[in-house]
Protein backbone atom coordinates (compact mmCIF):
# COMPACT_ATOMS: atom_id res chain seq x y z
CA UNK A 1 0.00 0.00 0.00
CA UNK A 2 1.37 3.39 -0.98
CA UNK A 3 1.01 6.45 1.19
CA UNK A 4 0.35 9.88 -0.22
CA UNK A 5 3.29 12.24 -0.09
CA UNK A 6 5.82 9.46 0.29
CA UNK A 7 8.96 9.95 -1.72
CA UNK A 8 9.58 6.91 -3.85
CA UNK A 9 12.99 6.05 -5.32
CA UNK A 10 11.55 6.20 -8.85
CA UNK A 11 10.48 9.82 -8.20
CA UNK A 12 14.04 10.75 -7.23
CA UNK A 13 15.47 9.06 -10.30
CA UNK A 14 13.03 10.79 -12.64
CA UNK A 15 13.89 14.20 -11.13
CA UNK A 16 17.60 13.52 -11.60
CA UNK A 17 17.08 12.35 -15.16
CA UNK A 18 15.06 15.47 -16.02
CA UNK A 19 18.17 17.59 -15.40
CA UNK A 20 20.30 15.27 -17.55
CA UNK A 21 17.99 14.76 -20.53
CA UNK A 22 17.71 17.54 -23.12
CA UNK A 23 14.41 19.41 -23.11
CA UNK A 24 12.98 21.98 -25.50
CA UNK A 25 13.71 25.55 -24.41
CA UNK A 26 9.96 26.19 -24.41
CA UNK A 27 9.59 23.75 -21.46
CA UNK A 28 11.77 25.79 -19.09
CA UNK A 29 10.01 28.03 -16.58
CA UNK A 30 10.82 31.65 -15.84
CA UNK A 31 14.14 31.85 -13.99
CA UNK A 32 15.37 28.40 -15.05
CA UNK A 33 18.79 28.04 -16.61
CA UNK A 34 20.16 25.60 -19.10
CA UNK A 35 22.90 24.94 -21.61
CA UNK A 36 22.21 24.53 -25.32
CA UNK A 37 22.77 20.92 -26.34
CA UNK A 38 21.43 20.80 -29.89
CA UNK A 39 19.37 22.66 -32.49
CA UNK A 40 16.82 20.59 -34.36
CA UNK A 41 15.77 22.84 -37.21
CA UNK A 42 16.00 23.37 -40.93
CA UNK A 43 18.80 25.31 -42.54
CA UNK A 44 17.04 28.69 -42.44
CA UNK A 45 16.02 28.58 -38.78
CA UNK A 46 19.31 26.95 -37.83
CA UNK A 47 21.25 29.83 -39.38
CA UNK A 48 19.10 32.39 -37.56
CA UNK A 49 19.50 30.67 -34.18
CA UNK A 50 23.27 30.41 -34.56
CA UNK A 51 23.46 34.10 -35.56
CA UNK A 52 21.54 35.01 -32.39
CA UNK A 53 24.02 33.06 -30.23
CA UNK A 54 22.23 29.74 -29.68
CA UNK A 55 25.21 27.45 -30.19
CA UNK A 56 25.95 24.18 -28.37
CA UNK A 57 27.44 24.95 -24.95
CA UNK A 58 25.90 28.43 -24.68
CA UNK A 59 24.27 29.12 -21.31
CA UNK A 60 20.63 30.27 -21.48
CA UNK A 61 18.43 31.87 -18.81
CA UNK A 62 14.66 32.13 -19.25
CA UNK A 63 13.65 35.70 -18.40
CA UNK A 64 9.94 35.29 -19.17
CA UNK A 65 7.76 32.30 -20.02
CA UNK A 66 4.05 32.65 -19.33
CA UNK A 67 3.15 29.38 -21.05
CA UNK A 68 1.84 31.13 -24.16
CA UNK A 69 3.12 33.86 -26.39
CA UNK A 70 6.81 34.61 -26.89
CA UNK A 71 9.57 33.39 -24.61
CA UNK A 72 12.23 35.89 -23.59
CA UNK A 73 15.66 34.44 -22.88
CA UNK A 74 19.09 35.75 -22.02
CA UNK A 75 21.86 34.25 -24.15
CA UNK A 76 25.39 35.67 -24.47
CA UNK A 77 24.42 38.92 -22.70
CA UNK A 78 21.52 39.58 -25.11
CA UNK A 79 17.79 39.36 -24.46
CA UNK A 80 16.10 37.48 -27.28
CA UNK A 81 12.35 37.04 -27.83
CA UNK A 82 11.49 33.73 -29.47
CA UNK A 83 8.23 32.30 -30.69
CA UNK A 84 7.15 29.03 -29.12
CA UNK A 85 7.78 27.13 -32.35
CA UNK A 86 11.33 28.46 -32.52
CA UNK A 87 11.97 27.67 -28.86
CA UNK A 88 10.83 24.06 -29.37
CA UNK A 89 13.71 23.53 -31.82
CA UNK A 90 16.36 24.53 -29.25
CA UNK A 91 17.14 21.66 -26.87
CA UNK A 92 18.84 22.45 -23.58
CA UNK A 93 20.11 20.56 -20.57
CA UNK A 94 18.63 22.09 -17.41
CA UNK A 95 21.05 23.25 -14.77
CA UNK A 96 20.50 21.72 -11.36
CA UNK A 97 19.10 24.17 -8.84
PDB file of N, CA and C in Angstrom:
ATOM      1  N   UNK A   1       0.833  -1.177   0.000  1.00  0.00           N
ATOM      2  CA  UNK A   1       0.000   0.000   0.000  1.00  0.00           C
ATOM      3  C   UNK A   1       0.880   1.243   0.000  1.00  0.00           C
ATOM      4  N   UNK A   2       0.577   2.169  -0.885  1.00  0.00           N
ATOM      5  CA  UNK A   2       1.368   3.393  -0.977  1.00  0.00           C
ATOM      6  C   UNK A   2       0.703   4.501  -0.190  1.00  0.00           C
ATOM      7  N   UNK A   3       1.511   5.311   0.445  1.00  0.00           N
ATOM      8  CA  UNK A   3       1.011   6.450   1.195  1.00  0.00           C
ATOM      9  C   UNK A   3       1.189   7.711   0.364  1.00  0.00           C
ATOM     10  N   UNK A   4       0.228   8.603   0.485  1.00  0.00           N
ATOM     11  CA  UNK A   4       0.351   9.884  -0.216  1.00  0.00           C
ATOM     12  C   UNK A   4       1.503  10.678   0.355  1.00  0.00           C
ATOM     13  N   UNK A   5       2.196  11.388  -0.537  1.00  0.00           N
ATOM     14  CA  UNK A   5       3.289  12.244  -0.094  1.00  0.00           C
ATOM     15  C   UNK A   5       4.587  11.509   0.163  1.00  0.00           C
ATOM     16  N   UNK A   6       4.573  10.186   0.064  1.00  0.00           N
ATOM     17  CA  UNK A   6       5.817   9.459   0.289  1.00  0.00           C
ATOM     18  C   UNK A   6       6.724   9.634  -0.919  1.00  0.00           C
ATOM     19  N   UNK A   7       7.979   9.772  -0.647  1.00  0.00           N
ATOM     20  CA  UNK A   7       8.957   9.950  -1.717  1.00  0.00           C
ATOM     21  C   UNK A   7       9.470   8.584  -2.136  1.00  0.00           C
ATOM     22  N   UNK A   8       9.172   8.200  -3.350  1.00  0.00           N
ATOM     23  CA  UNK A   8       9.582   6.905  -3.851  1.00  0.00           C
ATOM     24  C   UNK A   8      10.903   7.029  -4.586  1.00  0.00           C
ATOM     25  N   UNK A   9      11.719   5.999  -4.594  1.00  0.00           N
ATOM     26  CA  UNK A   9      12.989   6.045  -5.318  1.00  0.00           C
ATOM     27  C   UNK A   9      12.810   6.394  -6.792  1.00  0.00           C
ATOM     28  N   UNK A  10      11.744   5.908  -7.429  1.00  0.00           N
ATOM     29  CA  UNK A  10      11.545   6.203  -8.848  1.00  0.00           C
ATOM     30  C   UNK A  10      11.307   7.689  -9.075  1.00  0.00           C
ATOM     31  N   UNK A  11      10.683   8.380  -8.099  1.00  0.00           N
ATOM     32  CA  UNK A  11      10.480   9.821  -8.203  1.00  0.00           C
ATOM     33  C   UNK A  11      11.819  10.551  -8.193  1.00  0.00           C
ATOM     34  N   UNK A  12      12.717  10.115  -7.321  1.00  0.00           N
ATOM     35  CA  UNK A  12      14.035  10.754  -7.232  1.00  0.00           C
ATOM     36  C   UNK A  12      14.829  10.540  -8.510  1.00  0.00           C
ATOM     37  N   UNK A  13      14.742   9.347  -9.058  1.00  0.00           N
ATOM     38  CA  UNK A  13      15.465   9.058 -10.297  1.00  0.00           C
ATOM     39  C   UNK A  13      14.923   9.908 -11.434  1.00  0.00           C
ATOM     40  N   UNK A  14      13.603  10.013 -11.543  1.00  0.00           N
ATOM     41  CA  UNK A  14      13.034  10.786 -12.643  1.00  0.00           C
ATOM     42  C   UNK A  14      13.391  12.259 -12.516  1.00  0.00           C
ATOM     43  N   UNK A  15      13.486  12.803 -11.307  1.00  0.00           N
ATOM     44  CA  UNK A  15      13.892  14.199 -11.130  1.00  0.00           C
ATOM     45  C   UNK A  15      15.345  14.391 -11.548  1.00  0.00           C
ATOM     46  N   UNK A  16      16.201  13.429 -11.206  1.00  0.00           N
ATOM     47  CA  UNK A  16      17.601  13.523 -11.596  1.00  0.00           C
ATOM     48  C   UNK A  16      17.743  13.414 -13.103  1.00  0.00           C
ATOM     49  N   UNK A  17      16.999  12.520 -13.724  1.00  0.00           N
ATOM     50  CA  UNK A  17      17.078  12.349 -15.165  1.00  0.00           C
ATOM     51  C   UNK A  17      16.580  13.577 -15.898  1.00  0.00           C
ATOM     52  N   UNK A  18      15.596  14.294 -15.339  1.00  0.00           N
ATOM     53  CA  UNK A  18      15.058  15.468 -16.017  1.00  0.00           C
ATOM     54  C   UNK A  18      16.109  16.563 -16.149  1.00  0.00           C
ATOM     55  N   UNK A  19      17.109  16.602 -15.257  1.00  0.00           N
ATOM     56  CA  UNK A  19      18.168  17.593 -15.402  1.00  0.00           C
ATOM     57  C   UNK A  19      19.235  17.119 -16.381  1.00  0.00           C
ATOM     58  N   UNK A  20      19.285  15.807 -16.651  1.00  0.00           N
ATOM     59  CA  UNK A  20      20.296  15.274 -17.552  1.00  0.00           C
ATOM     60  C   UNK A  20      19.813  15.196 -18.994  1.00  0.00           C
ATOM     61  N   UNK A  21      18.522  14.924 -19.188  1.00  0.00           N
ATOM     62  CA  UNK A  21      17.989  14.764 -20.528  1.00  0.00           C
ATOM     63  C   UNK A  21      17.706  16.119 -21.166  1.00  0.00           C
ATOM     64  N   UNK A  22      18.020  16.272 -22.447  1.00  0.00           N
ATOM     65  CA  UNK A  22      17.715  17.538 -23.120  1.00  0.00           C
ATOM     66  C   UNK A  22      16.204  17.761 -23.188  1.00  0.00           C
ATOM     67  N   UNK A  23      15.811  19.020 -23.030  1.00  0.00           N
ATOM     68  CA  UNK A  23      14.406  19.406 -23.107  1.00  0.00           C
ATOM     69  C   UNK A  23      14.293  20.616 -24.025  1.00  0.00           C
ATOM     70  N   UNK A  24      13.156  20.783 -24.683  1.00  0.00           N
ATOM     71  CA  UNK A  24      12.977  21.983 -25.496  1.00  0.00           C
ATOM     72  C   UNK A  24      13.036  23.229 -24.616  1.00  0.00           C
ATOM     73  N   UNK A  25      13.601  24.289 -25.140  1.00  0.00           N
ATOM     74  CA  UNK A  25      13.713  25.546 -24.409  1.00  0.00           C
ATOM     75  C   UNK A  25      12.334  26.038 -23.972  1.00  0.00           C
ATOM     76  N   UNK A  26      11.315  25.747 -24.739  1.00  0.00           N
ATOM     77  CA  UNK A  26       9.958  26.188 -24.410  1.00  0.00           C
ATOM     78  C   UNK A  26       9.424  25.536 -23.134  1.00  0.00           C
ATOM     79  N   UNK A  27      10.031  24.442 -22.672  1.00  0.00           N
ATOM     80  CA  UNK A  27       9.586  23.746 -21.458  1.00  0.00           C
ATOM     81  C   UNK A  27      10.158  24.353 -20.182  1.00  0.00           C
ATOM     82  N   UNK A  28      11.171  25.194 -20.277  1.00  0.00           N
ATOM     83  CA  UNK A  28      11.772  25.787 -19.090  1.00  0.00           C
ATOM     84  C   UNK A  28      10.886  26.903 -18.551  1.00  0.00           C
ATOM     85  N   UNK A  29      10.817  27.005 -17.234  1.00  0.00           N
ATOM     86  CA  UNK A  29      10.011  28.033 -16.579  1.00  0.00           C
ATOM     87  C   UNK A  29      10.840  29.302 -16.395  1.00  0.00           C
ATOM     88  N   UNK A  30      10.150  30.379 -16.100  1.00  0.00           N
ATOM     89  CA  UNK A  30      10.822  31.650 -15.839  1.00  0.00           C
ATOM     90  C   UNK A  30      11.854  31.463 -14.731  1.00  0.00           C
ATOM     91  N   UNK A  31      13.059  31.946 -14.971  1.00  0.00           N
ATOM     92  CA  UNK A  31      14.140  31.848 -13.988  1.00  0.00           C
ATOM     93  C   UNK A  31      15.013  30.613 -14.135  1.00  0.00           C
ATOM     94  N   UNK A  32      14.565  29.615 -14.872  1.00  0.00           N
ATOM     95  CA  UNK A  32      15.373  28.402 -15.051  1.00  0.00           C
ATOM     96  C   UNK A  32      16.535  28.670 -15.993  1.00  0.00           C
ATOM     97  N   UNK A  33      17.606  27.933 -15.769  1.00  0.00           N
ATOM     98  CA  UNK A  33      18.794  28.045 -16.607  1.00  0.00           C
ATOM     99  C   UNK A  33      19.095  26.718 -17.264  1.00  0.00           C
ATOM    100  N   UNK A  34      19.764  26.800 -18.392  1.00  0.00           N
ATOM    101  CA  UNK A  34      20.162  25.599 -19.101  1.00  0.00           C
ATOM    102  C   UNK A  34      21.334  25.883 -20.008  1.00  0.00           C
ATOM    103  N   UNK A  35      21.798  24.833 -20.659  1.00  0.00           N
ATOM    104  CA  UNK A  35      22.904  24.936 -21.610  1.00  0.00           C
ATOM    105  C   UNK A  35      22.431  24.318 -22.917  1.00  0.00           C
ATOM    106  N   UNK A  36      22.641  25.030 -24.017  1.00  0.00           N
ATOM    107  CA  UNK A  36      22.207  24.534 -25.317  1.00  0.00           C
ATOM    108  C   UNK A  36      22.957  23.247 -25.634  1.00  0.00           C
ATOM    109  N   UNK A  37      22.191  22.213 -26.007  1.00  0.00           N
ATOM    110  CA  UNK A  37      22.767  20.918 -26.343  1.00  0.00           C
ATOM    111  C   UNK A  37      22.722  20.702 -27.852  1.00  0.00           C
ATOM    112  N   UNK A  38      21.561  20.997 -28.462  1.00  0.00           N
ATOM    113  CA  UNK A  38      21.427  20.795 -29.895  1.00  0.00           C
ATOM    114  C   UNK A  38      20.315  21.676 -30.454  1.00  0.00           C
ATOM    115  N   UNK A  39      20.390  21.913 -31.755  1.00  0.00           N
ATOM    116  CA  UNK A  39      19.373  22.658 -32.485  1.00  0.00           C
ATOM    117  C   UNK A  39      18.785  21.717 -33.522  1.00  0.00           C
ATOM    118  N   UNK A  40      17.493  21.493 -33.426  1.00  0.00           N
ATOM    119  CA  UNK A  40      16.825  20.592 -34.356  1.00  0.00           C
ATOM    120  C   UNK A  40      15.931  21.429 -35.263  1.00  0.00           C
ATOM    121  N   UNK A  41      16.512  21.936 -36.331  1.00  0.00           N
ATOM    122  CA  UNK A  41      15.775  22.837 -37.212  1.00  0.00           C
ATOM    123  C   UNK A  41      16.309  22.719 -38.628  1.00  0.00           C
ATOM    124  N   UNK A  42      15.558  23.304 -39.542  1.00  0.00           N
ATOM    125  CA  UNK A  42      15.998  23.370 -40.931  1.00  0.00           C
ATOM    126  C   UNK A  42      17.108  24.386 -41.092  1.00  0.00           C
ATOM    127  N   UNK A  43      17.651  24.458 -42.289  1.00  0.00           N
ATOM    128  CA  UNK A  43      18.804  25.313 -42.539  1.00  0.00           C
ATOM    129  C   UNK A  43      18.524  26.789 -42.264  1.00  0.00           C
ATOM    130  N   UNK A  44      17.359  27.285 -42.648  1.00  0.00           N
ATOM    131  CA  UNK A  44      17.036  28.694 -42.439  1.00  0.00           C
ATOM    132  C   UNK A  44      16.954  29.064 -40.972  1.00  0.00           C
ATOM    133  N   UNK A  45      16.167  28.308 -40.211  1.00  0.00           N
ATOM    134  CA  UNK A  45      16.020  28.579 -38.781  1.00  0.00           C
ATOM    135  C   UNK A  45      17.324  28.307 -38.044  1.00  0.00           C
ATOM    136  N   UNK A  46      18.025  27.279 -38.447  1.00  0.00           N
ATOM    137  CA  UNK A  46      19.305  26.953 -37.826  1.00  0.00           C
ATOM    138  C   UNK A  46      20.284  28.115 -37.961  1.00  0.00           C
ATOM    139  N   UNK A  47      20.369  28.689 -39.154  1.00  0.00           N
ATOM    140  CA  UNK A  47      21.253  29.834 -39.377  1.00  0.00           C
ATOM    141  C   UNK A  47      20.875  31.026 -38.519  1.00  0.00           C
ATOM    142  N   UNK A  48      19.572  31.271 -38.385  1.00  0.00           N
ATOM    143  CA  UNK A  48      19.102  32.395 -37.562  1.00  0.00           C
ATOM    144  C   UNK A  48      19.446  32.167 -36.091  1.00  0.00           C
ATOM    145  N   UNK A  49      19.219  30.962 -35.589  1.00  0.00           N
ATOM    146  CA  UNK A  49      19.495  30.670 -34.182  1.00  0.00           C
ATOM    147  C   UNK A  49      20.988  30.809 -33.868  1.00  0.00           C
ATOM    148  N   UNK A  50      21.824  30.308 -34.762  1.00  0.00           N
ATOM    149  CA  UNK A  50      23.274  30.411 -34.559  1.00  0.00           C
ATOM    150  C   UNK A  50      23.699  31.880 -34.575  1.00  0.00           C
ATOM    151  N   UNK A  51      23.132  32.668 -35.489  1.00  0.00           N
ATOM    152  CA  UNK A  51      23.461  34.096 -35.563  1.00  0.00           C
ATOM    153  C   UNK A  51      23.051  34.840 -34.290  1.00  0.00           C
ATOM    154  N   UNK A  52      21.995  34.381 -33.637  1.00  0.00           N
ATOM    155  CA  UNK A  52      21.536  35.005 -32.392  1.00  0.00           C
ATOM    156  C   UNK A  52      22.341  34.545 -31.175  1.00  0.00           C
ATOM    157  N   UNK A  53      23.172  33.513 -31.331  1.00  0.00           N
ATOM    158  CA  UNK A  53      24.015  33.063 -30.230  1.00  0.00           C
ATOM    159  C   UNK A  53      23.646  31.724 -29.638  1.00  0.00           C
ATOM    160  N   UNK A  54      22.637  31.057 -30.186  1.00  0.00           N
ATOM    161  CA  UNK A  54      22.233  29.744 -29.684  1.00  0.00           C
ATOM    162  C   UNK A  54      23.113  28.668 -30.312  1.00  0.00           C
ATOM    163  N   UNK A  55      24.272  28.458 -29.717  1.00  0.00           N
ATOM    164  CA  UNK A  55      25.206  27.448 -30.189  1.00  0.00           C
ATOM    165  C   UNK A  55      25.407  26.420 -29.073  1.00  0.00           C
ATOM    166  N   UNK A  56      25.738  25.183 -29.414  1.00  0.00           N
ATOM    167  CA  UNK A  56      25.954  24.178 -28.365  1.00  0.00           C
ATOM    168  C   UNK A  56      26.969  24.657 -27.332  1.00  0.00           C
ATOM    169  N   UNK A  57      26.592  24.530 -26.060  1.00  0.00           N
ATOM    170  CA  UNK A  57      27.439  24.950 -24.953  1.00  0.00           C
ATOM    171  C   UNK A  57      27.108  26.333 -24.422  1.00  0.00           C
ATOM    172  N   UNK A  58      26.259  27.079 -25.118  1.00  0.00           N
ATOM    173  CA  UNK A  58      25.902  28.426 -24.681  1.00  0.00           C
ATOM    174  C   UNK A  58      24.921  28.370 -23.511  1.00  0.00           C
ATOM    175  N   UNK A  59      25.221  29.083 -22.421  1.00  0.00           N
ATOM    176  CA  UNK A  59      24.268  29.124 -21.307  1.00  0.00           C
ATOM    177  C   UNK A  59      23.064  29.998 -21.655  1.00  0.00           C
ATOM    178  N   UNK A  60      21.886  29.566 -21.201  1.00  0.00           N
ATOM    179  CA  UNK A  60      20.633  30.265 -21.482  1.00  0.00           C
ATOM    180  C   UNK A  60      19.858  30.421 -20.184  1.00  0.00           C
ATOM    181  N   UNK A  61      19.294  31.612 -19.954  1.00  0.00           N
ATOM    182  CA  UNK A  61      18.425  31.866 -18.810  1.00  0.00           C
ATOM    183  C   UNK A  61      17.076  32.333 -19.327  1.00  0.00           C
ATOM    184  N   UNK A  62      16.004  31.721 -18.842  1.00  0.00           N
ATOM    185  CA  UNK A  62      14.661  32.133 -19.253  1.00  0.00           C
ATOM    186  C   UNK A  62      14.258  33.335 -18.408  1.00  0.00           C
ATOM    187  N   UNK A  63      14.035  34.465 -19.077  1.00  0.00           N
ATOM    188  CA  UNK A  63      13.646  35.697 -18.403  1.00  0.00           C
ATOM    189  C   UNK A  63      12.133  35.735 -18.222  1.00  0.00           C
ATOM    190  N   UNK A  64      11.402  35.269 -19.236  1.00  0.00           N
ATOM    191  CA  UNK A  64       9.938  35.289 -19.166  1.00  0.00           C
ATOM    192  C   UNK A  64       9.355  34.144 -19.975  1.00  0.00           C
ATOM    193  N   UNK A  65       8.492  33.366 -19.344  1.00  0.00           N
ATOM    194  CA  UNK A  65       7.765  32.302 -20.024  1.00  0.00           C
ATOM    195  C   UNK A  65       6.422  32.135 -19.329  1.00  0.00           C
ATOM    196  N   UNK A  66       5.379  32.710 -19.928  1.00  0.00           N
ATOM    197  CA  UNK A  66       4.049  32.653 -19.334  1.00  0.00           C
ATOM    198  C   UNK A  66       3.261  31.431 -19.773  1.00  0.00           C
ATOM    199  N   UNK A  67       3.851  30.561 -20.595  1.00  0.00           N
ATOM    200  CA  UNK A  67       3.148  29.375 -21.054  1.00  0.00           C
ATOM    201  C   UNK A  67       2.440  29.574 -22.381  1.00  0.00           C
ATOM    202  N   UNK A  68       2.373  30.801 -22.840  1.00  0.00           N
ATOM    203  CA  UNK A  68       1.836  31.132 -24.160  1.00  0.00           C
ATOM    204  C   UNK A  68       2.498  32.425 -24.613  1.00  0.00           C
ATOM    205  N   UNK A  69       2.457  32.663 -25.886  1.00  0.00           N
ATOM    206  CA  UNK A  69       3.123  33.858 -26.395  1.00  0.00           C
ATOM    207  C   UNK A  69       4.621  33.660 -26.475  1.00  0.00           C
ATOM    208  N   UNK A  70       5.351  34.741 -26.728  1.00  0.00           N
ATOM    209  CA  UNK A  70       6.809  34.615 -26.894  1.00  0.00           C
ATOM    210  C   UNK A  70       7.524  34.286 -25.588  1.00  0.00           C
ATOM    211  N   UNK A  71       8.695  33.703 -25.739  1.00  0.00           N
ATOM    212  CA  UNK A  71       9.575  33.395 -24.610  1.00  0.00           C
ATOM    213  C   UNK A  71      10.745  34.361 -24.705  1.00  0.00           C
ATOM    214  N   UNK A  72      11.092  34.985 -23.604  1.00  0.00           N
ATOM    215  CA  UNK A  72      12.233  35.891 -23.590  1.00  0.00           C
ATOM    216  C   UNK A  72      13.361  35.207 -22.837  1.00  0.00           C
ATOM    217  N   UNK A  73      14.514  35.113 -23.485  1.00  0.00           N
ATOM    218  CA  UNK A  73      15.663  34.435 -22.881  1.00  0.00           C
ATOM    219  C   UNK A  73      16.893  35.342 -22.934  1.00  0.00           C
ATOM    220  N   UNK A  74      17.812  35.059 -22.045  1.00  0.00           N
ATOM    221  CA  UNK A  74      19.095  35.750 -22.020  1.00  0.00           C
ATOM    222  C   UNK A  74      20.148  34.763 -22.498  1.00  0.00           C
ATOM    223  N   UNK A  75      20.806  35.104 -23.603  1.00  0.00           N
ATOM    224  CA  UNK A  75      21.857  34.254 -24.147  1.00  0.00           C
ATOM    225  C   UNK A  75      23.001  35.159 -24.600  1.00  0.00           C
ATOM    226  N   UNK A  76      24.195  34.886 -24.127  1.00  0.00           N
ATOM    227  CA  UNK A  76      25.386  35.666 -24.469  1.00  0.00           C
ATOM    228  C   UNK A  76      25.173  37.163 -24.263  1.00  0.00           C
ATOM    229  N   UNK A  77      24.648  37.525 -23.100  1.00  0.00           N
ATOM    230  CA  UNK A  77      24.415  38.923 -22.704  1.00  0.00           C
ATOM    231  C   UNK A  77      23.438  39.667 -23.595  1.00  0.00           C
ATOM    232  N   UNK A  78      22.555  38.958 -24.271  1.00  0.00           N
ATOM    233  CA  UNK A  78      21.525  39.585 -25.108  1.00  0.00           C
ATOM    234  C   UNK A  78      20.167  38.981 -24.760  1.00  0.00           C
ATOM    235  N   UNK A  79      19.161  39.849 -24.666  1.00  0.00           N
ATOM    236  CA  UNK A  79      17.793  39.363 -24.464  1.00  0.00           C
ATOM    237  C   UNK A  79      17.175  39.109 -25.824  1.00  0.00           C
ATOM    238  N   UNK A  80      16.663  37.896 -25.997  1.00  0.00           N
ATOM    239  CA  UNK A  80      16.096  37.483 -27.279  1.00  0.00           C
ATOM    240  C   UNK A  80      14.657  37.026 -27.041  1.00  0.00           C
ATOM    241  N   UNK A  81      13.736  37.503 -27.869  1.00  0.00           N
ATOM    242  CA  UNK A  81      12.351  37.038 -27.829  1.00  0.00           C
ATOM    243  C   UNK A  81      12.186  35.986 -28.919  1.00  0.00           C
ATOM    244  N   UNK A  82      11.704  34.828 -28.540  1.00  0.00           N
ATOM    245  CA  UNK A  82      11.494  33.725 -29.472  1.00  0.00           C
ATOM    246  C   UNK A  82      10.032  33.310 -29.471  1.00  0.00           C
ATOM    247  N   UNK A  83       9.548  32.918 -30.624  1.00  0.00           N
ATOM    248  CA  UNK A  83       8.232  32.305 -30.692  1.00  0.00           C
ATOM    249  C   UNK A  83       8.309  30.904 -30.122  1.00  0.00           C
ATOM    250  N   UNK A  84       7.170  30.376 -29.706  1.00  0.00           N
ATOM    251  CA  UNK A  84       7.152  29.027 -29.120  1.00  0.00           C
ATOM    252  C   UNK A  84       7.666  27.974 -30.090  1.00  0.00           C
ATOM    253  N   UNK A  85       7.315  28.095 -31.352  1.00  0.00           N
ATOM    254  CA  UNK A  85       7.783  27.135 -32.348  1.00  0.00           C
ATOM    255  C   UNK A  85       9.292  27.155 -32.478  1.00  0.00           C
ATOM    256  N   UNK A  86       9.874  28.346 -32.453  1.00  0.00           N
ATOM    257  CA  UNK A  86      11.334  28.458 -32.519  1.00  0.00           C
ATOM    258  C   UNK A  86      11.972  27.855 -31.273  1.00  0.00           C
ATOM    259  N   UNK A  87      11.405  28.149 -30.117  1.00  0.00           N
ATOM    260  CA  UNK A  87      11.975  27.666 -28.856  1.00  0.00           C
ATOM    261  C   UNK A  87      11.909  26.148 -28.749  1.00  0.00           C
ATOM    262  N   UNK A  88      10.933  25.522 -29.410  1.00  0.00           N
ATOM    263  CA  UNK A  88      10.833  24.058 -29.371  1.00  0.00           C
ATOM    264  C   UNK A  88      11.980  23.385 -30.123  1.00  0.00           C
ATOM    265  N   UNK A  89      12.616  24.101 -31.034  1.00  0.00           N
ATOM    266  CA  UNK A  89      13.711  23.528 -31.817  1.00  0.00           C
ATOM    267  C   UNK A  89      15.063  23.620 -31.103  1.00  0.00           C
ATOM    268  N   UNK A  90      15.119  24.365 -30.010  1.00  0.00           N
ATOM    269  CA  UNK A  90      16.360  24.525 -29.248  1.00  0.00           C
ATOM    270  C   UNK A  90      16.277  23.601 -28.045  1.00  0.00           C
ATOM    271  N   UNK A  91      17.149  22.613 -27.987  1.00  0.00           N
ATOM    272  CA  UNK A  91      17.138  21.664 -26.868  1.00  0.00           C
ATOM    273  C   UNK A  91      18.259  22.010 -25.902  1.00  0.00           C
ATOM    274  N   UNK A  92      17.899  22.060 -24.627  1.00  0.00           N
ATOM    275  CA  UNK A  92      18.843  22.445 -23.577  1.00  0.00           C
ATOM    276  C   UNK A  92      18.889  21.389 -22.494  1.00  0.00           C
ATOM    277  N   UNK A  93      19.983  21.393 -21.766  1.00  0.00           N
ATOM    278  CA  UNK A  93      20.112  20.559 -20.571  1.00  0.00           C
ATOM    279  C   UNK A  93      19.919  21.500 -19.380  1.00  0.00           C
ATOM    280  N   UNK A  94      18.908  21.225 -18.572  1.00  0.00           N
ATOM    281  CA  UNK A  94      18.627  22.088 -17.415  1.00  0.00           C
ATOM    282  C   UNK A  94      19.782  22.052 -16.445  1.00  0.00           C
ATOM    283  N   UNK A  95      20.052  23.203 -15.831  1.00  0.00           N
ATOM    284  CA  UNK A  95      21.050  23.253 -14.774  1.00  0.00           C
ATOM    285  C   UNK A  95      20.378  22.883 -13.462  1.00  0.00           C
ATOM    286  N   UNK A  96      21.050  22.116 -12.656  1.00  0.00           N
ATOM    287  CA  UNK A  96      20.501  21.716 -11.358  1.00  0.00           C
ATOM    288  C   UNK A  96      20.400  22.937 -10.462  1.00  0.00           C
ATOM    289  N   UNK A  97      19.291  23.021  -9.737  1.00  0.00           N
ATOM    290  CA  UNK A  97      19.103  24.168  -8.844  1.00  0.00           C
ATOM    291  C   UNK A  97      19.368  23.801  -7.409  1.00  0.00           C
TER     292      UNK A  97
END
